[in-house]
């Protein structure tokens, strides 16, 4: 009897220790606060005489940005001999400021903040291609699959979650969509901005908000997981890779040529937005977007 009791205690202790170890490892792996090791092993073992920092707007968590954008940095480093490093920021505006101040060579900006905040010192050089060979995205109003919301009119008295106020998806609903259907922000119960597109989806799935707006590629990632699209925006020029008047021309030319030449399967390991590669962009591509919001509700 004592032997059985002793064995049971040992088994229970073993299970408890394993569970504790699993929890600690899970927290370590999913901790978005911990610092990232920049670059791959080969890059960290090599001493580079030249470096370049690339900014990224905070549309996703640092962990997700790192997973999608660090492979691009590794590829650029391998192809050029220049050490390319990510420059993460807490907000869209921090990324914009770092580029304007010359702290970064280039930055992956959002289409909206580029169009709205360009003072003539910023230049779009590349934009991502979509699966159909075009270079645009759409924002989409999403709800839970079983939601009674099927039309924009159904948003009356409802709570809506949005991504950053500096993103196109964070502005489209209240500045364009509501006005188009004869509604205003006052017709809604609540509008709240969240830091990341994925956070908006989670808020809708948890039932904290009745609807949300995200980029179409984010909605596609959650397809079959409990959300439904209500309406899509007009096509929007793809989020540009932008340089400033302070950017090093030699490095910029190298950056552009390498990214333009990148094809699948290399690009398949990158953030989903870039899996079909890049095409050249210009500031004129975003003029219509600025006019669109200038004509919207303020």
Protein backbone atom coordinates (compact mmCIF):
# COMPACT_ATOMS: atom_id res chain seq x y z
CA UNK A 1 0.00 0.00 0.00
CA UNK A 2 2.86 2.33 0.93
CA UNK A 3 4.63 1.45 -2.31
CA UNK A 4 1.52 2.36 -4.38
CA UNK A 5 1.15 5.65 -2.49
CA UNK A 6 4.80 6.47 -3.04
CA UNK A 7 4.50 5.68 -6.76
CA UNK A 8 1.42 7.88 -7.09
CA UNK A 9 3.22 10.78 -5.43
CA UNK A 10 6.19 10.40 -7.81
CA UNK A 11 3.87 10.34 -10.83
CA UNK A 12 1.99 13.44 -9.64
CA UNK A 13 5.26 15.29 -9.01
CA UNK A 14 6.53 14.33 -12.45
CA UNK A 15 3.38 15.60 -14.14
CA UNK A 16 3.51 18.84 -12.14
CA UNK A 17 7.15 19.48 -13.07
CA UNK A 18 6.43 18.81 -16.74
CA UNK A 19 3.43 21.16 -16.70
CA UNK A 20 5.46 23.91 -15.04
CA UNK A 21 8.25 23.49 -17.59
CA UNK A 22 5.75 23.62 -20.48
CA UNK A 23 4.15 26.84 -19.17
CA UNK A 24 7.53 28.53 -18.77
CA UNK A 25 8.63 27.53 -22.26
CA UNK A 26 5.32 28.70 -23.75
CA UNK A 27 5.65 32.10 -22.08
CA UNK A 28 9.24 32.43 -23.31
CA UNK A 29 8.41 31.56 -26.91
CA UNK A 30 5.33 33.82 -27.10
CA UNK A 31 6.76 36.78 -25.16
CA UNK A 32 6.66 39.72 -27.58
CA UNK A 33 8.46 41.92 -25.06
CA UNK A 34 11.77 40.03 -25.15
CA UNK A 35 14.48 41.41 -27.45
CA UNK A 36 14.94 39.76 -30.82
CA UNK A 37 18.26 38.49 -32.11
CA UNK A 38 18.73 40.40 -35.33
CA UNK A 39 19.58 38.47 -38.46
CA UNK A 40 20.47 34.87 -39.11
CA UNK A 41 23.40 32.94 -37.64
CA UNK A 42 25.60 33.55 -40.68
CA UNK A 43 24.97 37.30 -40.49
CA UNK A 44 25.80 37.42 -36.77
CA UNK A 45 29.11 35.61 -37.35
CA UNK A 46 30.14 38.03 -40.10
CA UNK A 47 31.67 41.45 -39.53
CA UNK A 48 30.12 43.95 -41.94
CA UNK A 49 31.70 47.23 -42.94
CA UNK A 50 28.35 48.69 -43.98
CA UNK A 51 24.87 48.56 -42.46
CA UNK A 52 21.38 49.77 -43.29
CA UNK A 53 18.32 50.00 -41.07
CA UNK A 54 14.80 49.48 -42.44
CA UNK A 55 11.75 50.74 -40.56
CA UNK A 56 8.38 48.97 -40.34
CA UNK A 57 5.10 50.50 -39.19
CA UNK A 58 3.54 48.75 -36.19
CA UNK A 59 0.55 47.17 -37.93
CA UNK A 60 1.29 43.82 -36.25
CA UNK A 61 2.87 42.68 -32.98
CA UNK A 62 6.70 42.85 -32.83
CA UNK A 63 6.82 39.03 -32.91
CA UNK A 64 4.72 38.82 -36.08
CA UNK A 65 6.65 41.64 -37.76
CA UNK A 66 9.93 39.94 -36.97
CA UNK A 67 8.73 36.61 -38.34
CA UNK A 68 7.60 38.20 -41.63
CA UNK A 69 10.21 40.90 -42.18
CA UNK A 70 13.44 39.46 -40.79
CA UNK A 71 13.68 36.94 -43.69
CA UNK A 72 13.65 39.96 -46.04
CA UNK A 73 16.53 41.51 -44.09
CA UNK A 74 18.46 38.23 -44.20
CA UNK A 75 17.97 37.95 -47.96
CA UNK A 76 19.08 41.55 -48.55
CA UNK A 77 22.15 40.97 -46.40
CA UNK A 78 23.11 37.79 -48.25
CA UNK A 79 22.62 39.40 -51.67
CA UNK A 80 24.38 42.72 -51.01
CA UNK A 81 27.03 42.21 -48.34
CA UNK A 82 25.39 45.06 -46.42
CA UNK A 83 23.97 44.20 -43.01
CA UNK A 84 20.27 45.06 -43.19
CA UNK A 85 18.55 45.40 -39.81
CA UNK A 86 14.94 45.98 -38.78
CA UNK A 87 14.00 49.15 -36.93
CA UNK A 88 10.79 48.48 -35.01
CA UNK A 89 8.69 51.31 -33.59
CA UNK A 90 5.77 51.54 -31.21
CA UNK A 91 3.65 53.65 -33.59
CA UNK A 92 3.31 54.46 -37.28
CA UNK A 93 4.45 58.01 -36.58
CA UNK A 94 7.69 56.86 -34.94
CA UNK A 95 8.56 54.92 -38.08
CA UNK A 96 7.79 57.99 -40.20
CA UNK A 97 9.91 60.28 -37.99
CA UNK A 98 12.90 57.93 -38.03
CA UNK A 99 12.82 57.92 -41.84
CA UNK A 100 12.51 61.70 -42.12
CA UNK A 101 15.39 62.17 -39.68
CA UNK A 102 17.66 59.85 -41.64
CA UNK A 103 17.84 57.19 -38.93
CA UNK A 104 16.62 54.58 -41.39
CA UNK A 105 17.50 54.05 -45.05
CA UNK A 106 13.92 53.17 -45.97
CA UNK A 107 10.67 52.18 -44.31
CA UNK A 108 7.66 50.00 -45.01
CA UNK A 109 4.96 52.60 -44.40
CA UNK A 110 1.17 52.40 -44.56
CA UNK A 111 -0.51 53.84 -47.66
CA UNK A 112 -2.64 56.25 -45.61
CA UNK A 113 0.13 57.80 -43.51
CA UNK A 114 2.36 58.14 -46.58
CA UNK A 115 -0.35 59.91 -48.56
CA UNK A 116 -1.42 62.15 -45.66
CA UNK A 117 1.96 63.05 -44.18
CA UNK A 118 4.19 63.36 -47.23
CA UNK A 119 5.70 66.84 -47.23
CA UNK A 120 7.67 66.41 -50.44
CA UNK A 121 10.67 64.84 -48.73
CA UNK A 122 9.44 61.24 -48.99
CA UNK A 123 9.46 59.03 -52.08
CA UNK A 124 7.66 55.74 -52.69
CA UNK A 125 10.01 53.37 -54.54
CA UNK A 126 8.34 49.94 -54.33
CA UNK A 127 4.94 48.46 -53.55
CA UNK A 128 3.91 44.81 -53.11
CA UNK A 129 2.22 42.75 -55.79
CA UNK A 130 -0.97 40.85 -55.02
CA UNK A 131 -1.83 37.34 -56.19
CA UNK A 132 -3.67 38.73 -59.23
CA UNK A 133 -0.59 40.62 -60.41
CA UNK A 134 -2.01 43.99 -59.31
CA UNK A 135 -0.62 46.17 -56.55
CA UNK A 136 -3.48 47.06 -54.26
CA UNK A 137 -5.34 45.88 -51.16
CA UNK A 138 -8.80 46.44 -49.71
CA UNK A 139 -10.02 47.07 -46.20
CA UNK A 140 -12.89 44.89 -45.05
CA UNK A 141 -15.64 45.24 -42.46
CA UNK A 142 -15.79 41.96 -40.53
CA UNK A 143 -18.22 40.45 -38.00
CA UNK A 144 -18.64 37.08 -36.30
CA UNK A 145 -20.18 34.43 -38.54
CA UNK A 146 -23.43 34.36 -36.55
CA UNK A 147 -23.72 38.15 -36.29
CA UNK A 148 -27.03 39.81 -37.26
CA UNK A 149 -25.01 42.49 -39.08
CA UNK A 150 -25.28 42.04 -42.85
CA UNK A 151 -25.35 45.63 -44.09
CA UNK A 152 -23.63 48.88 -43.16
CA UNK A 153 -27.00 50.17 -41.87
CA UNK A 154 -26.95 47.39 -39.27
CA UNK A 155 -24.04 49.12 -37.52
CA UNK A 156 -26.39 51.57 -35.81
CA UNK A 157 -25.89 51.34 -32.05
CA UNK A 158 -23.05 48.85 -32.44
CA UNK A 159 -19.44 48.77 -31.19
CA UNK A 160 -16.69 48.81 -33.83
CA UNK A 161 -13.00 47.95 -33.41
CA UNK A 162 -10.42 49.57 -35.71
CA UNK A 163 -6.64 49.29 -36.16
CA UNK A 164 -4.29 52.28 -35.80
CA UNK A 165 -5.73 55.72 -36.50
CA UNK A 166 -2.70 56.19 -38.80
CA UNK A 167 -3.70 53.26 -41.05
CA UNK A 168 -6.10 53.29 -44.01
CA UNK A 169 -8.20 50.61 -42.33
CA UNK A 170 -8.35 52.78 -39.22
CA UNK A 171 -9.92 55.65 -41.16
CA UNK A 172 -11.97 54.17 -43.98
CA UNK A 173 -15.10 53.36 -41.97
CA UNK A 174 -15.71 56.69 -40.26
CA UNK A 175 -14.38 58.98 -43.02
CA UNK A 176 -15.76 57.25 -46.11
CA UNK A 177 -17.99 54.23 -45.52
CA UNK A 178 -20.42 55.67 -42.97
CA UNK A 179 -20.89 58.85 -44.97
CA UNK A 180 -21.62 56.82 -48.12
CA UNK A 181 -24.51 55.11 -46.32
CA UNK A 182 -25.87 58.21 -44.63
CA UNK A 183 -24.43 57.41 -41.19
CA UNK A 184 -22.03 59.17 -38.86
CA UNK A 185 -19.86 58.18 -35.93
CA UNK A 186 -22.61 59.38 -33.57
CA UNK A 187 -24.87 56.61 -34.91
CA UNK A 188 -22.51 54.00 -33.43
CA UNK A 189 -22.33 53.02 -29.78
CA UNK A 190 -18.52 52.99 -29.70
CA UNK A 191 -15.45 53.11 -31.92
CA UNK A 192 -12.07 52.12 -30.53
CA UNK A 193 -8.64 51.88 -32.16
CA UNK A 194 -6.30 49.01 -31.35
CA UNK A 195 -2.57 48.81 -32.04
CA UNK A 196 -2.68 45.84 -34.38
CA UNK A 197 -4.94 44.40 -37.10
CA UNK A 198 -4.86 40.98 -35.42
CA UNK A 199 -6.07 42.56 -32.18
CA UNK A 200 -9.15 43.84 -34.02
CA UNK A 201 -9.99 40.31 -35.23
CA UNK A 202 -9.59 38.92 -31.71
CA UNK A 203 -11.84 41.61 -30.24
CA UNK A 204 -14.58 40.68 -32.72
CA UNK A 205 -14.17 36.94 -32.17
CA UNK A 206 -14.34 37.39 -28.39
CA UNK A 207 -17.55 39.38 -28.75
CA UNK A 208 -16.10 42.51 -27.17
CA UNK A 209 -16.97 44.42 -30.36
CA UNK A 210 -19.77 43.80 -32.86
CA UNK A 211 -17.66 44.54 -35.93
CA UNK A 212 -14.15 45.51 -36.97
CA UNK A 213 -12.12 46.72 -39.94
CA UNK A 214 -8.87 45.10 -41.10
CA UNK A 215 -6.84 44.64 -44.29
CA UNK A 216 -8.19 41.95 -46.60
CA UNK A 217 -5.05 39.82 -46.20
CA UNK A 218 -5.61 39.72 -42.42
CA UNK A 219 -9.26 38.73 -42.88
CA UNK A 220 -8.09 36.00 -45.27
CA UNK A 221 -5.72 34.62 -42.63
CA UNK A 222 -8.71 34.10 -40.31
CA UNK A 223 -10.95 32.59 -42.99
CA UNK A 224 -12.86 29.64 -41.56
CA UNK A 225 -12.12 30.70 -37.98
CA UNK A 226 -15.41 32.40 -37.14
CA UNK A 227 -15.46 35.73 -39.00
CA UNK A 228 -17.47 36.92 -42.00
CA UNK A 229 -16.89 39.81 -44.42
CA UNK A 230 -19.68 42.38 -44.74
CA UNK A 231 -18.25 44.86 -47.24
CA UNK A 232 -14.91 45.71 -48.85
CA UNK A 233 -13.38 49.10 -49.57
CA UNK A 234 -12.37 50.36 -52.98
CA UNK A 235 -8.90 49.17 -54.14
CA UNK A 236 -6.09 50.98 -52.32
CA UNK A 237 -2.48 51.28 -53.58
CA UNK A 238 -0.26 48.73 -51.85
CA UNK A 239 1.65 49.82 -48.74
CA UNK A 240 4.83 51.45 -50.10
CA UNK A 241 8.48 51.02 -49.33
CA UNK A 242 9.55 54.64 -48.87
CA UNK A 243 12.85 56.51 -48.81
CA UNK A 244 13.59 60.10 -47.82
CA UNK A 245 15.70 62.88 -49.29
CA UNK A 246 18.37 61.87 -46.72
CA UNK A 247 18.61 58.25 -47.86
CA UNK A 248 21.91 56.99 -49.32
CA UNK A 249 21.30 56.71 -53.08
CA UNK A 250 23.80 53.90 -53.63
CA UNK A 251 22.24 51.73 -50.94
CA UNK A 252 18.73 52.60 -52.13
CA UNK A 253 19.55 51.54 -55.71
CA UNK A 254 20.94 48.26 -54.39
CA UNK A 255 17.89 47.70 -52.18
CA UNK A 256 15.49 48.30 -55.07
CA UNK A 257 17.28 46.07 -57.56
CA UNK A 258 17.52 43.14 -55.14
CA UNK A 259 13.87 43.30 -54.08
CA UNK A 260 12.63 43.66 -57.66
CA UNK A 261 14.58 40.56 -58.66
CA UNK A 262 13.30 38.45 -55.74
CA UNK A 263 10.87 35.74 -56.83
CA UNK A 264 9.18 32.66 -55.41
CA UNK A 265 10.10 30.45 -53.59
CA UNK A 266 12.28 33.03 -51.78
CA UNK A 267 9.39 35.47 -51.31
CA UNK A 268 7.09 32.73 -49.95
CA UNK A 269 9.06 32.84 -46.68
CA UNK A 270 8.38 36.57 -46.25
CA UNK A 271 5.40 38.37 -44.76
CA UNK A 272 2.25 37.41 -46.68
CA UNK A 273 1.99 40.92 -48.08
CA UNK A 274 5.19 40.39 -50.07
CA UNK A 275 4.91 36.76 -51.13
CA UNK A 276 4.34 37.76 -54.77
CA UNK A 277 7.24 40.20 -54.88
CA UNK A 278 7.45 43.91 -55.63
CA UNK A 279 6.86 46.38 -58.43
CA UNK A 280 8.12 49.95 -58.78
CA UNK A 281 6.05 52.69 -57.15
CA UNK A 282 5.89 56.48 -57.35
CA UNK A 283 4.32 59.22 -55.29
CA UNK A 284 1.68 59.78 -57.97
CA UNK A 285 0.27 56.31 -57.21
CA UNK A 286 -1.02 57.73 -53.89
CA UNK A 287 -2.41 61.08 -55.07
CA UNK A 288 -5.89 59.61 -55.59
CA UNK A 289 -5.86 58.17 -52.07
CA UNK A 290 -5.23 61.60 -50.59
CA UNK A 291 -8.05 63.08 -52.65
CA UNK A 292 -10.34 60.28 -51.49
CA UNK A 293 -9.93 61.30 -47.86
CA UNK A 294 -9.96 65.01 -48.62
CA UNK A 295 -13.45 64.46 -49.99
CA UNK A 296 -14.52 62.31 -47.03
CA UNK A 297 -16.04 63.35 -43.74
CA UNK A 298 -13.68 65.05 -41.34
